């Protein structure tokens, strides 16, 4: 769950509908280790 362009769709729905809830279930940490593999994913999420 890491893209601003896609998240904007949910954000607009939340702003337009005050009774709307968004539930998201994601992995706790990325699947691979290493700064180059992990840090860019954290940026997007």
ModelCIF file with pLDDT and N, C-alpha, C, O atoms, coordinates in Angstrom:
data_MODEL
#
_entry.id   MODEL 
#
_entity.id                         1 
_entity.type                       polymer 
_entity.pdbx_number_of_molecules   1 
#
_entity_poly.entity_id                      1 
_entity_poly.type                           'polypeptide(L)' 
_entity_poly.nstd_linkage                   no 
_entity_poly.nstd_monomer                   no 
_entity_poly.pdbx_seq_one_letter_code       
;(UNK)(UNK)(UNK)(UNK)(UNK)(UNK)(UNK)(UNK)(UNK)(UNK)(UNK)(UNK)(UNK)(UNK)(UNK)(UNK)
(UNK)(UNK)(UNK)(UNK)(UNK)(UNK)(UNK)(UNK)(UNK)(UNK)(UNK)(UNK)(UNK)(UNK)(UNK)(UNK)
(UNK)(UNK)(UNK)(UNK)(UNK)(UNK)(UNK)(UNK)(UNK)(UNK)(UNK)(UNK)(UNK)
;
_entity_poly.pdbx_seq_one_letter_code_can   XXXXXXXXXXXXXXXXXXXXXXXXXXXXXXXXXXXXXXXXXXXXX 
_entity_poly.pdbx_strand_id                 A 
#
loop_
_entity_poly_seq.entity_id 
_entity_poly_seq.num 
_entity_poly_seq.mon_id 
_entity_poly_seq.hetero 
1 1  UNK n 
1 2  UNK n 
1 3  UNK n 
1 4  UNK n 
1 5  UNK n 
1 6  UNK n 
1 7  UNK n 
1 8  UNK n 
1 9  UNK n 
1 10 UNK n 
1 11 UNK n 
1 12 UNK n 
1 13 UNK n 
1 14 UNK n 
1 15 UNK n 
1 16 UNK n 
1 17 UNK n 
1 18 UNK n 
1 19 UNK n 
1 20 UNK n 
1 21 UNK n 
1 22 UNK n 
1 23 UNK n 
1 24 UNK n 
1 25 UNK n 
1 26 UNK n 
1 27 UNK n 
1 28 UNK n 
1 29 UNK n 
1 30 UNK n 
1 31 UNK n 
1 32 UNK n 
1 33 UNK n 
1 34 UNK n 
1 35 UNK n 
1 36 UNK n 
1 37 UNK n 
1 38 UNK n 
1 39 UNK n 
1 40 UNK n 
1 41 UNK n 
1 42 UNK n 
1 43 UNK n 
1 44 UNK n 
1 45 UNK n 
#
_struct_asym.id          A 
_struct_asym.entity_id   1 
#
loop_
_ma_qa_metric.id 
_ma_qa_metric.mode 
_ma_qa_metric.name 
_ma_qa_metric.software_group_id 
_ma_qa_metric.type 
1 global pLDDT . pLDDT 
2 local  pLDDT . pLDDT 
#
_ma_qa_metric_global.metric_id      1 
_ma_qa_metric_global.metric_value   91.47 
_ma_qa_metric_global.model_id       1 
_ma_qa_metric_global.ordinal_id     1 
#
loop_
_ma_qa_metric_local.label_asym_id 
_ma_qa_metric_local.label_comp_id 
_ma_qa_metric_local.label_seq_id 
_ma_qa_metric_local.metric_id 
_ma_qa_metric_local.metric_value 
_ma_qa_metric_local.model_id 
_ma_qa_metric_local.ordinal_id 
A UNK 1  2 76.00 1 1  
A UNK 2  2 76.00 1 2  
A UNK 3  2 84.00 1 3  
A UNK 4  2 84.00 1 4  
A UNK 5  2 85.00 1 5  
A UNK 6  2 90.00 1 6  
A UNK 7  2 92.00 1 7  
A UNK 8  2 93.00 1 8  
A UNK 9  2 94.00 1 9  
A UNK 10 2 96.00 1 10 
A UNK 11 2 96.00 1 11 
A UNK 12 2 96.00 1 12 
A UNK 13 2 97.00 1 13 
A UNK 14 2 97.00 1 14 
A UNK 15 2 97.00 1 15 
A UNK 16 2 97.00 1 16 
A UNK 17 2 97.00 1 17 
A UNK 18 2 97.00 1 18 
A UNK 19 2 97.00 1 19 
A UNK 20 2 98.00 1 20 
A UNK 21 2 98.00 1 21 
A UNK 22 2 98.00 1 22 
A UNK 23 2 98.00 1 23 
A UNK 24 2 97.00 1 24 
A UNK 25 2 97.00 1 25 
A UNK 26 2 96.00 1 26 
A UNK 27 2 96.00 1 27 
A UNK 28 2 95.00 1 28 
A UNK 29 2 93.00 1 29 
A UNK 30 2 91.00 1 30 
A UNK 31 2 92.00 1 31 
A UNK 32 2 89.00 1 32 
A UNK 33 2 89.00 1 33 
A UNK 34 2 86.00 1 34 
A UNK 35 2 84.00 1 35 
A UNK 36 2 84.00 1 36 
A UNK 37 2 83.00 1 37 
A UNK 38 2 90.00 1 38 
A UNK 39 2 91.00 1 39 
A UNK 40 2 88.00 1 40 
A UNK 41 2 88.00 1 41 
A UNK 42 2 89.00 1 42 
A UNK 43 2 89.00 1 43 
A UNK 44 2 88.00 1 44 
A UNK 45 2 88.00 1 45 
#
loop_
_atom_site.group_PDB 
_atom_site.id 
_atom_site.type_symbol 
_atom_site.label_atom_id 
_atom_site.label_alt_id 
_atom_site.label_comp_id 
_atom_site.label_asym_id 
_atom_site.label_entity_id 
_atom_site.label_seq_id 
_atom_site.pdbx_PDB_ins_code 
_atom_site.Cartn_x 
_atom_site.Cartn_y 
_atom_site.Cartn_z 
_atom_site.occupancy 
_atom_site.B_iso_or_equiv 
_atom_site.pdbx_formal_charge 
_atom_site.auth_seq_id 
_atom_site.auth_comp_id 
_atom_site.auth_asym_id 
_atom_site.auth_atom_id 
_atom_site.pdbx_PDB_model_num 
ATOM 1   N N  . UNK A 1 1  ? 0.894   -1.168  0.000  1.00 76.00 ? 1  UNK A N  1 
ATOM 2   C CA . UNK A 1 1  ? 0.000   0.000   0.000  1.00 76.00 ? 1  UNK A CA 1 
ATOM 3   C C  . UNK A 1 1  ? 0.923   1.206   0.000  1.00 76.00 ? 1  UNK A C  1 
ATOM 4   O O  . UNK A 1 1  ? 1.188   1.790   1.051  1.00 76.00 ? 1  UNK A O  1 
ATOM 5   N N  . UNK A 1 2  ? 1.416   1.582   -1.182 1.00 76.00 ? 2  UNK A N  1 
ATOM 6   C CA . UNK A 1 2  ? 2.540   2.520   -1.147 1.00 76.00 ? 2  UNK A CA 1 
ATOM 7   C C  . UNK A 1 2  ? 2.535   3.541   -2.284 1.00 76.00 ? 2  UNK A C  1 
ATOM 8   O O  . UNK A 1 2  ? 3.599   4.062   -2.617 1.00 76.00 ? 2  UNK A O  1 
ATOM 9   N N  . UNK A 1 3  ? 1.438   3.840   -2.872 1.00 84.00 ? 3  UNK A N  1 
ATOM 10  C CA . UNK A 1 3  ? 1.435   4.770   -3.989 1.00 84.00 ? 3  UNK A CA 1 
ATOM 11  C C  . UNK A 1 3  ? 0.519   5.949   -3.700 1.00 84.00 ? 3  UNK A C  1 
ATOM 12  O O  . UNK A 1 3  ? -0.667  5.767   -3.423 1.00 84.00 ? 3  UNK A O  1 
ATOM 13  N N  . UNK A 1 4  ? 1.077   7.180   -3.767 1.00 84.00 ? 4  UNK A N  1 
ATOM 14  C CA . UNK A 1 4  ? 0.268   8.362   -3.538 1.00 84.00 ? 4  UNK A CA 1 
ATOM 15  C C  . UNK A 1 4  ? -0.850  8.515   -4.547 1.00 84.00 ? 4  UNK A C  1 
ATOM 16  O O  . UNK A 1 4  ? -1.952  8.934   -4.192 1.00 84.00 ? 4  UNK A O  1 
ATOM 17  N N  . UNK A 1 5  ? -0.579  8.175   -5.819 1.00 85.00 ? 5  UNK A N  1 
ATOM 18  C CA . UNK A 1 5  ? -1.606  8.310   -6.854 1.00 85.00 ? 5  UNK A CA 1 
ATOM 19  C C  . UNK A 1 5  ? -2.807  7.424   -6.564 1.00 85.00 ? 5  UNK A C  1 
ATOM 20  O O  . UNK A 1 5  ? -3.948  7.832   -6.780 1.00 85.00 ? 5  UNK A O  1 
ATOM 21  N N  . UNK A 1 6  ? -2.555  6.207   -6.073 1.00 90.00 ? 6  UNK A N  1 
ATOM 22  C CA . UNK A 1 6  ? -3.649  5.303   -5.751 1.00 90.00 ? 6  UNK A CA 1 
ATOM 23  C C  . UNK A 1 6  ? -4.306  5.710   -4.438 1.00 90.00 ? 6  UNK A C  1 
ATOM 24  O O  . UNK A 1 6  ? -5.530  5.666   -4.314 1.00 90.00 ? 6  UNK A O  1 
ATOM 25  N N  . UNK A 1 7  ? -3.490  6.110   -3.450 1.00 92.00 ? 7  UNK A N  1 
ATOM 26  C CA . UNK A 1 7  ? -4.041  6.521   -2.155 1.00 92.00 ? 7  UNK A CA 1 
ATOM 27  C C  . UNK A 1 7  ? -4.950  7.731   -2.302 1.00 92.00 ? 7  UNK A C  1 
ATOM 28  O O  . UNK A 1 7  ? -5.890  7.897   -1.523 1.00 92.00 ? 7  UNK A O  1 
ATOM 29  N N  . UNK A 1 8  ? -4.683  8.582   -3.293 1.00 93.00 ? 8  UNK A N  1 
ATOM 30  C CA . UNK A 1 8  ? -5.520  9.764   -3.502 1.00 93.00 ? 8  UNK A CA 1 
ATOM 31  C C  . UNK A 1 8  ? -6.977  9.376   -3.750 1.00 93.00 ? 8  UNK A C  1 
ATOM 32  O O  . UNK A 1 8  ? -7.894  10.093  -3.349 1.00 93.00 ? 8  UNK A O  1 
ATOM 33  N N  . UNK A 1 9  ? -7.185  8.239   -4.411 1.00 94.00 ? 9  UNK A N  1 
ATOM 34  C CA . UNK A 1 9  ? -8.549  7.758   -4.656 1.00 94.00 ? 9  UNK A CA 1 
ATOM 35  C C  . UNK A 1 9  ? -9.269  7.496   -3.335 1.00 94.00 ? 9  UNK A C  1 
ATOM 36  O O  . UNK A 1 9  ? -10.425 7.883   -3.170 1.00 94.00 ? 9  UNK A O  1 
ATOM 37  N N  . UNK A 1 10 ? -8.589  6.839   -2.394 1.00 96.00 ? 10 UNK A N  1 
ATOM 38  C CA . UNK A 1 10 ? -9.190  6.560   -1.089 1.00 96.00 ? 10 UNK A CA 1 
ATOM 39  C C  . UNK A 1 10 ? -9.366  7.843   -0.287 1.00 96.00 ? 10 UNK A C  1 
ATOM 40  O O  . UNK A 1 10 ? -10.371 8.017   0.402  1.00 96.00 ? 10 UNK A O  1 
ATOM 41  N N  . UNK A 1 11 ? -8.383  8.745   -0.379 1.00 96.00 ? 11 UNK A N  1 
ATOM 42  C CA . UNK A 1 11 ? -8.460  10.001  0.369  1.00 96.00 ? 11 UNK A CA 1 
ATOM 43  C C  . UNK A 1 11 ? -9.670  10.818  -0.077 1.00 96.00 ? 11 UNK A C  1 
ATOM 44  O O  . UNK A 1 11 ? -10.371 11.392  0.755  1.00 96.00 ? 11 UNK A O  1 
ATOM 45  N N  . UNK A 1 12 ? -9.914  10.872  -1.370 1.00 96.00 ? 12 UNK A N  1 
ATOM 46  C CA . UNK A 1 12 ? -11.066 11.625  -1.867 1.00 96.00 ? 12 UNK A CA 1 
ATOM 47  C C  . UNK A 1 12 ? -12.372 10.987  -1.393 1.00 96.00 ? 12 UNK A C  1 
ATOM 48  O O  . UNK A 1 12 ? -13.316 11.695  -1.041 1.00 96.00 ? 12 UNK A O  1 
ATOM 49  N N  . UNK A 1 13 ? -12.428 9.658   -1.383 1.00 97.00 ? 13 UNK A N  1 
ATOM 50  C CA . UNK A 1 13 ? -13.637 8.984   -0.895 1.00 97.00 ? 13 UNK A CA 1 
ATOM 51  C C  . UNK A 1 13 ? -13.855 9.269   0.588  1.00 97.00 ? 13 UNK A C  1 
ATOM 52  O O  . UNK A 1 13 ? -14.993 9.463   1.016  1.00 97.00 ? 13 UNK A O  1 
ATOM 53  N N  . UNK A 1 14 ? -12.787 9.299   1.372  1.00 97.00 ? 14 UNK A N  1 
ATOM 54  C CA . UNK A 1 14 ? -12.905 9.596   2.803  1.00 97.00 ? 14 UNK A CA 1 
ATOM 55  C C  . UNK A 1 14 ? -13.379 11.029  3.030  1.00 97.00 ? 14 UNK A C  1 
ATOM 56  O O  . UNK A 1 14 ? -14.211 11.274  3.904  1.00 97.00 ? 14 UNK A O  1 
ATOM 57  N N  . UNK A 1 15 ? -12.858 11.971  2.255  1.00 97.00 ? 15 UNK A N  1 
ATOM 58  C CA . UNK A 1 15 ? -13.283 13.369  2.409  1.00 97.00 ? 15 UNK A CA 1 
ATOM 59  C C  . UNK A 1 15 ? -14.743 13.559  2.007  1.00 97.00 ? 15 UNK A C  1 
ATOM 60  O O  . UNK A 1 15 ? -15.467 14.339  2.626  1.00 97.00 ? 15 UNK A O  1 
ATOM 61  N N  . UNK A 1 16 ? -15.167 12.854  0.983  1.00 97.00 ? 16 UNK A N  1 
ATOM 62  C CA . UNK A 1 16 ? -16.527 13.038  0.463  1.00 97.00 ? 16 UNK A CA 1 
ATOM 63  C C  . UNK A 1 16 ? -17.587 12.326  1.306  1.00 97.00 ? 16 UNK A C  1 
ATOM 64  O O  . UNK A 1 16 ? -18.769 12.661  1.224  1.00 97.00 ? 16 UNK A O  1 
ATOM 65  N N  . UNK A 1 17 ? -17.172 11.347  2.114  1.00 97.00 ? 17 UNK A N  1 
ATOM 66  C CA . UNK A 1 17 ? -18.139 10.523  2.835  1.00 97.00 ? 17 UNK A CA 1 
ATOM 67  C C  . UNK A 1 17 ? -17.732 10.426  4.308  1.00 97.00 ? 17 UNK A C  1 
ATOM 68  O O  . UNK A 1 17 ? -16.892 9.596   4.656  1.00 97.00 ? 17 UNK A O  1 
ATOM 69  N N  . UNK A 1 18 ? -18.303 11.248  5.165  1.00 97.00 ? 18 UNK A N  1 
ATOM 70  C CA . UNK A 1 18 ? -17.856 11.311  6.562  1.00 97.00 ? 18 UNK A CA 1 
ATOM 71  C C  . UNK A 1 18 ? -18.121 10.054  7.371  1.00 97.00 ? 18 UNK A C  1 
ATOM 72  O O  . UNK A 1 18 ? -17.575 9.916   8.466  1.00 97.00 ? 18 UNK A O  1 
ATOM 73  N N  . UNK A 1 19 ? -18.942 9.125   6.873  1.00 97.00 ? 19 UNK A N  1 
ATOM 74  C CA . UNK A 1 19 ? -19.189 7.865   7.586  1.00 97.00 ? 19 UNK A CA 1 
ATOM 75  C C  . UNK A 1 19 ? -18.322 6.722   7.073  1.00 97.00 ? 19 UNK A C  1 
ATOM 76  O O  . UNK A 1 19 ? -18.442 5.591   7.545  1.00 97.00 ? 19 UNK A O  1 
ATOM 77  N N  . UNK A 1 20 ? -17.448 7.010   6.110  1.00 98.00 ? 20 UNK A N  1 
ATOM 78  C CA . UNK A 1 20 ? -16.642 5.958   5.492  1.00 98.00 ? 20 UNK A CA 1 
ATOM 79  C C  . UNK A 1 20 ? -15.416 5.631   6.341  1.00 98.00 ? 20 UNK A C  1 
ATOM 80  O O  . UNK A 1 20 ? -14.719 6.532   6.808  1.00 98.00 ? 20 UNK A O  1 
ATOM 81  N N  . UNK A 1 21 ? -15.160 4.343   6.536  1.00 98.00 ? 21 UNK A N  1 
ATOM 82  C CA . UNK A 1 21 ? -13.949 3.858   7.195  1.00 98.00 ? 21 UNK A CA 1 
ATOM 83  C C  . UNK A 1 21 ? -13.127 3.056   6.189  1.00 98.00 ? 21 UNK A C  1 
ATOM 84  O O  . UNK A 1 21 ? -13.670 2.345   5.344  1.00 98.00 ? 21 UNK A O  1 
ATOM 85  N N  . UNK A 1 22 ? -11.817 3.188   6.301  1.00 98.00 ? 22 UNK A N  1 
ATOM 86  C CA . UNK A 1 22 ? -10.875 2.434   5.474  1.00 98.00 ? 22 UNK A CA 1 
ATOM 87  C C  . UNK A 1 22 ? -10.064 1.517   6.378  1.00 98.00 ? 22 UNK A C  1 
ATOM 88  O O  . UNK A 1 22 ? -9.385  1.990   7.289  1.00 98.00 ? 22 UNK A O  1 
ATOM 89  N N  . UNK A 1 23 ? -10.127 0.219   6.138  1.00 98.00 ? 23 UNK A N  1 
ATOM 90  C CA . UNK A 1 23 ? -9.344  -0.780  6.872  1.00 98.00 ? 23 UNK A CA 1 
ATOM 91  C C  . UNK A 1 23 ? -8.333  -1.382  5.913  1.00 98.00 ? 23 UNK A C  1 
ATOM 92  O O  . UNK A 1 23 ? -8.696  -1.859  4.838  1.00 98.00 ? 23 UNK A O  1 
ATOM 93  N N  . UNK A 1 24 ? -7.059  -1.360  6.303  1.00 97.00 ? 24 UNK A N  1 
ATOM 94  C CA . UNK A 1 24 ? -5.991  -1.878  5.454  1.00 97.00 ? 24 UNK A CA 1 
ATOM 95  C C  . UNK A 1 24 ? -5.149  -2.858  6.268  1.00 97.00 ? 24 UNK A C  1 
ATOM 96  O O  . UNK A 1 24 ? -4.702  -2.529  7.367  1.00 97.00 ? 24 UNK A O  1 
ATOM 97  N N  . UNK A 1 25 ? -4.930  -4.061  5.734  1.00 97.00 ? 25 UNK A N  1 
ATOM 98  C CA . UNK A 1 25 ? -4.067  -5.073  6.353  1.00 97.00 ? 25 UNK A CA 1 
ATOM 99  C C  . UNK A 1 25 ? -2.848  -5.264  5.461  1.00 97.00 ? 25 UNK A C  1 
ATOM 100 O O  . UNK A 1 25 ? -2.981  -5.634  4.294  1.00 97.00 ? 25 UNK A O  1 
ATOM 101 N N  . UNK A 1 26 ? -1.660  -5.012  6.008  1.00 96.00 ? 26 UNK A N  1 
ATOM 102 C CA . UNK A 1 26 ? -0.413  -5.009  5.239  1.00 96.00 ? 26 UNK A CA 1 
ATOM 103 C C  . UNK A 1 26 ? 0.644   -5.843  5.957  1.00 96.00 ? 26 UNK A C  1 
ATOM 104 O O  . UNK A 1 26 ? 0.453   -6.196  7.120  1.00 96.00 ? 26 UNK A O  1 
ATOM 105 N N  . UNK A 1 27 ? 1.763   -6.170  5.289  1.00 96.00 ? 27 UNK A N  1 
ATOM 106 C CA . UNK A 1 27 ? 2.869   -6.829  5.992  1.00 96.00 ? 27 UNK A CA 1 
ATOM 107 C C  . UNK A 1 27 ? 3.509   -5.865  6.999  1.00 96.00 ? 27 UNK A C  1 
ATOM 108 O O  . UNK A 1 27 ? 3.496   -4.649  6.808  1.00 96.00 ? 27 UNK A O  1 
ATOM 109 N N  . UNK A 1 28 ? 4.064   -6.429  8.064  1.00 95.00 ? 28 UNK A N  1 
ATOM 110 C CA . UNK A 1 28 ? 4.726   -5.587  9.065  1.00 95.00 ? 28 UNK A CA 1 
ATOM 111 C C  . UNK A 1 28 ? 5.997   -4.971  8.510  1.00 95.00 ? 28 UNK A C  1 
ATOM 112 O O  . UNK A 1 28 ? 6.243   -3.780  8.704  1.00 95.00 ? 28 UNK A O  1 
ATOM 113 N N  . UNK A 1 29 ? 6.809   -5.763  7.823  1.00 93.00 ? 29 UNK A N  1 
ATOM 114 C CA . UNK A 1 29 ? 8.053   -5.273  7.225  1.00 93.00 ? 29 UNK A CA 1 
ATOM 115 C C  . UNK A 1 29 ? 8.148   -5.828  5.811  1.00 93.00 ? 29 UNK A C  1 
ATOM 116 O O  . UNK A 1 29 ? 7.503   -6.832  5.509  1.00 93.00 ? 29 UNK A O  1 
ATOM 117 N N  . UNK A 1 30 ? 8.944   -5.196  4.924  1.00 91.00 ? 30 UNK A N  1 
ATOM 118 C CA . UNK A 1 30 ? 9.116   -5.723  3.571  1.00 91.00 ? 30 UNK A CA 1 
ATOM 119 C C  . UNK A 1 30 ? 9.695   -7.133  3.581  1.00 91.00 ? 30 UNK A C  1 
ATOM 120 O O  . UNK A 1 30 ? 10.239  -7.592  4.585  1.00 91.00 ? 30 UNK A O  1 
ATOM 121 N N  . UNK A 1 31 ? 9.568   -7.804  2.449  1.00 92.00 ? 31 UNK A N  1 
ATOM 122 C CA . UNK A 1 31 ? 9.982   -9.208  2.384  1.00 92.00 ? 31 UNK A CA 1 
ATOM 123 C C  . UNK A 1 31 ? 11.488  -9.377  2.346  1.00 92.00 ? 31 UNK A C  1 
ATOM 124 O O  . UNK A 1 31 ? 11.995  -10.427 2.740  1.00 92.00 ? 31 UNK A O  1 
ATOM 125 N N  . UNK A 1 32 ? 12.219  -8.369  1.880  1.00 89.00 ? 32 UNK A N  1 
ATOM 126 C CA . UNK A 1 32 ? 13.666  -8.485  1.771  1.00 89.00 ? 32 UNK A CA 1 
ATOM 127 C C  . UNK A 1 32 ? 14.359  -7.451  2.657  1.00 89.00 ? 32 UNK A C  1 
ATOM 128 O O  . UNK A 1 32 ? 13.805  -6.391  2.949  1.00 89.00 ? 32 UNK A O  1 
ATOM 129 N N  . UNK A 1 33 ? 15.578  -7.779  3.077  1.00 89.00 ? 33 UNK A N  1 
ATOM 130 C CA . UNK A 1 33 ? 16.351  -6.885  3.926  1.00 89.00 ? 33 UNK A CA 1 
ATOM 131 C C  . UNK A 1 33 ? 17.279  -6.015  3.077  1.00 89.00 ? 33 UNK A C  1 
ATOM 132 O O  . UNK A 1 33 ? 17.428  -6.225  1.873  1.00 89.00 ? 33 UNK A O  1 
ATOM 133 N N  . UNK A 1 34 ? 17.895  -5.038  3.734  1.00 86.00 ? 34 UNK A N  1 
ATOM 134 C CA . UNK A 1 34 ? 18.837  -4.165  3.057  1.00 86.00 ? 34 UNK A CA 1 
ATOM 135 C C  . UNK A 1 34 ? 18.261  -2.784  2.849  1.00 86.00 ? 34 UNK A C  1 
ATOM 136 O O  . UNK A 1 34 ? 17.092  -2.638  2.491  1.00 86.00 ? 34 UNK A O  1 
ATOM 137 N N  . UNK A 1 35 ? 19.068  -1.781  3.071  1.00 84.00 ? 35 UNK A N  1 
ATOM 138 C CA . UNK A 1 35 ? 18.599  -0.397  2.980  1.00 84.00 ? 35 UNK A CA 1 
ATOM 139 C C  . UNK A 1 35 ? 18.019  -0.083  1.621  1.00 84.00 ? 35 UNK A C  1 
ATOM 140 O O  . UNK A 1 35 ? 16.980  0.571   1.530  1.00 84.00 ? 35 UNK A O  1 
ATOM 141 N N  . UNK A 1 36 ? 18.670  -0.536  0.560  1.00 84.00 ? 36 UNK A N  1 
ATOM 142 C CA . UNK A 1 36 ? 18.207  -0.197  -0.782 1.00 84.00 ? 36 UNK A CA 1 
ATOM 143 C C  . UNK A 1 36 ? 16.871  -0.862  -1.088 1.00 84.00 ? 36 UNK A C  1 
ATOM 144 O O  . UNK A 1 36 ? 16.060  -0.316  -1.835 1.00 84.00 ? 36 UNK A O  1 
ATOM 145 N N  . UNK A 1 37 ? 16.638  -2.056  -0.506 1.00 83.00 ? 37 UNK A N  1 
ATOM 146 C CA . UNK A 1 37 ? 15.376  -2.760  -0.749 1.00 83.00 ? 37 UNK A CA 1 
ATOM 147 C C  . UNK A 1 37 ? 14.243  -2.212  0.113  1.00 83.00 ? 37 UNK A C  1 
ATOM 148 O O  . UNK A 1 37 ? 13.096  -2.161  -0.329 1.00 83.00 ? 37 UNK A O  1 
ATOM 149 N N  . UNK A 1 38 ? 14.561  -1.799  1.350  1.00 90.00 ? 38 UNK A N  1 
ATOM 150 C CA . UNK A 1 38 ? 13.528  -1.466  2.325  1.00 90.00 ? 38 UNK A CA 1 
ATOM 151 C C  . UNK A 1 38 ? 13.135  0.003   2.293  1.00 90.00 ? 38 UNK A C  1 
ATOM 152 O O  . UNK A 1 38 ? 11.946  0.323   2.272  1.00 90.00 ? 38 UNK A O  1 
ATOM 153 N N  . UNK A 1 39 ? 14.112  0.896   2.288  1.00 91.00 ? 39 UNK A N  1 
ATOM 154 C CA . UNK A 1 39 ? 13.815  2.321   2.480  1.00 91.00 ? 39 UNK A CA 1 
ATOM 155 C C  . UNK A 1 39 ? 12.901  2.899   1.414  1.00 91.00 ? 39 UNK A C  1 
ATOM 156 O O  . UNK A 1 39 ? 11.980  3.634   1.771  1.00 91.00 ? 39 UNK A O  1 
ATOM 157 N N  . UNK A 1 40 ? 13.091  2.616   0.121  1.00 88.00 ? 40 UNK A N  1 
ATOM 158 C CA . UNK A 1 40 ? 12.145  3.155   -0.871 1.00 88.00 ? 40 UNK A CA 1 
ATOM 159 C C  . UNK A 1 40 ? 10.714  2.675   -0.650 1.00 88.00 ? 40 UNK A C  1 
ATOM 160 O O  . UNK A 1 40 ? 9.770   3.416   -0.921 1.00 88.00 ? 40 UNK A O  1 
ATOM 161 N N  . UNK A 1 41 ? 10.538  1.446   -0.161 1.00 88.00 ? 41 UNK A N  1 
ATOM 162 C CA . UNK A 1 41 ? 9.188   0.979   0.129  1.00 88.00 ? 41 UNK A CA 1 
ATOM 163 C C  . UNK A 1 41 ? 8.560   1.800   1.251  1.00 88.00 ? 41 UNK A C  1 
ATOM 164 O O  . UNK A 1 41 ? 7.375   2.127   1.197  1.00 88.00 ? 41 UNK A O  1 
ATOM 165 N N  . UNK A 1 42 ? 9.360   2.132   2.272  1.00 89.00 ? 42 UNK A N  1 
ATOM 166 C CA . UNK A 1 42 ? 8.838   2.936   3.371  1.00 89.00 ? 42 UNK A CA 1 
ATOM 167 C C  . UNK A 1 42 ? 8.427   4.336   2.897  1.00 89.00 ? 42 UNK A C  1 
ATOM 168 O O  . UNK A 1 42 ? 7.477   4.916   3.422  1.00 89.00 ? 42 UNK A O  1 
ATOM 169 N N  . UNK A 1 43 ? 9.139   4.871   1.914  1.00 89.00 ? 43 UNK A N  1 
ATOM 170 C CA . UNK A 1 43 ? 8.761   6.172   1.356  1.00 89.00 ? 43 UNK A CA 1 
ATOM 171 C C  . UNK A 1 43 ? 7.339   6.118   0.818  1.00 89.00 ? 43 UNK A C  1 
ATOM 172 O O  . UNK A 1 43 ? 6.499   6.950   1.159  1.00 89.00 ? 43 UNK A O  1 
ATOM 173 N N  . UNK A 1 44 ? 7.083   5.123   -0.031 1.00 88.00 ? 44 UNK A N  1 
ATOM 174 C CA . UNK A 1 44 ? 5.769   5.030   -0.648 1.00 88.00 ? 44 UNK A CA 1 
ATOM 175 C C  . UNK A 1 44 ? 4.672   4.726   0.345  1.00 88.00 ? 44 UNK A C  1 
ATOM 176 O O  . UNK A 1 44 ? 3.593   5.313   0.270  1.00 88.00 ? 44 UNK A O  1 
ATOM 177 N N  . UNK A 1 45 ? 4.923   3.818   1.276  1.00 88.00 ? 45 UNK A N  1 
ATOM 178 C CA . UNK A 1 45 ? 3.880   3.450   2.236  1.00 88.00 ? 45 UNK A CA 1 
ATOM 179 C C  . UNK A 1 45 ? 3.551   4.619   3.151  1.00 88.00 ? 45 UNK A C  1 
ATOM 180 O O  . UNK A 1 45 ? 2.693   4.496   4.025  1.00 88.00 ? 45 UNK A O  1 
#
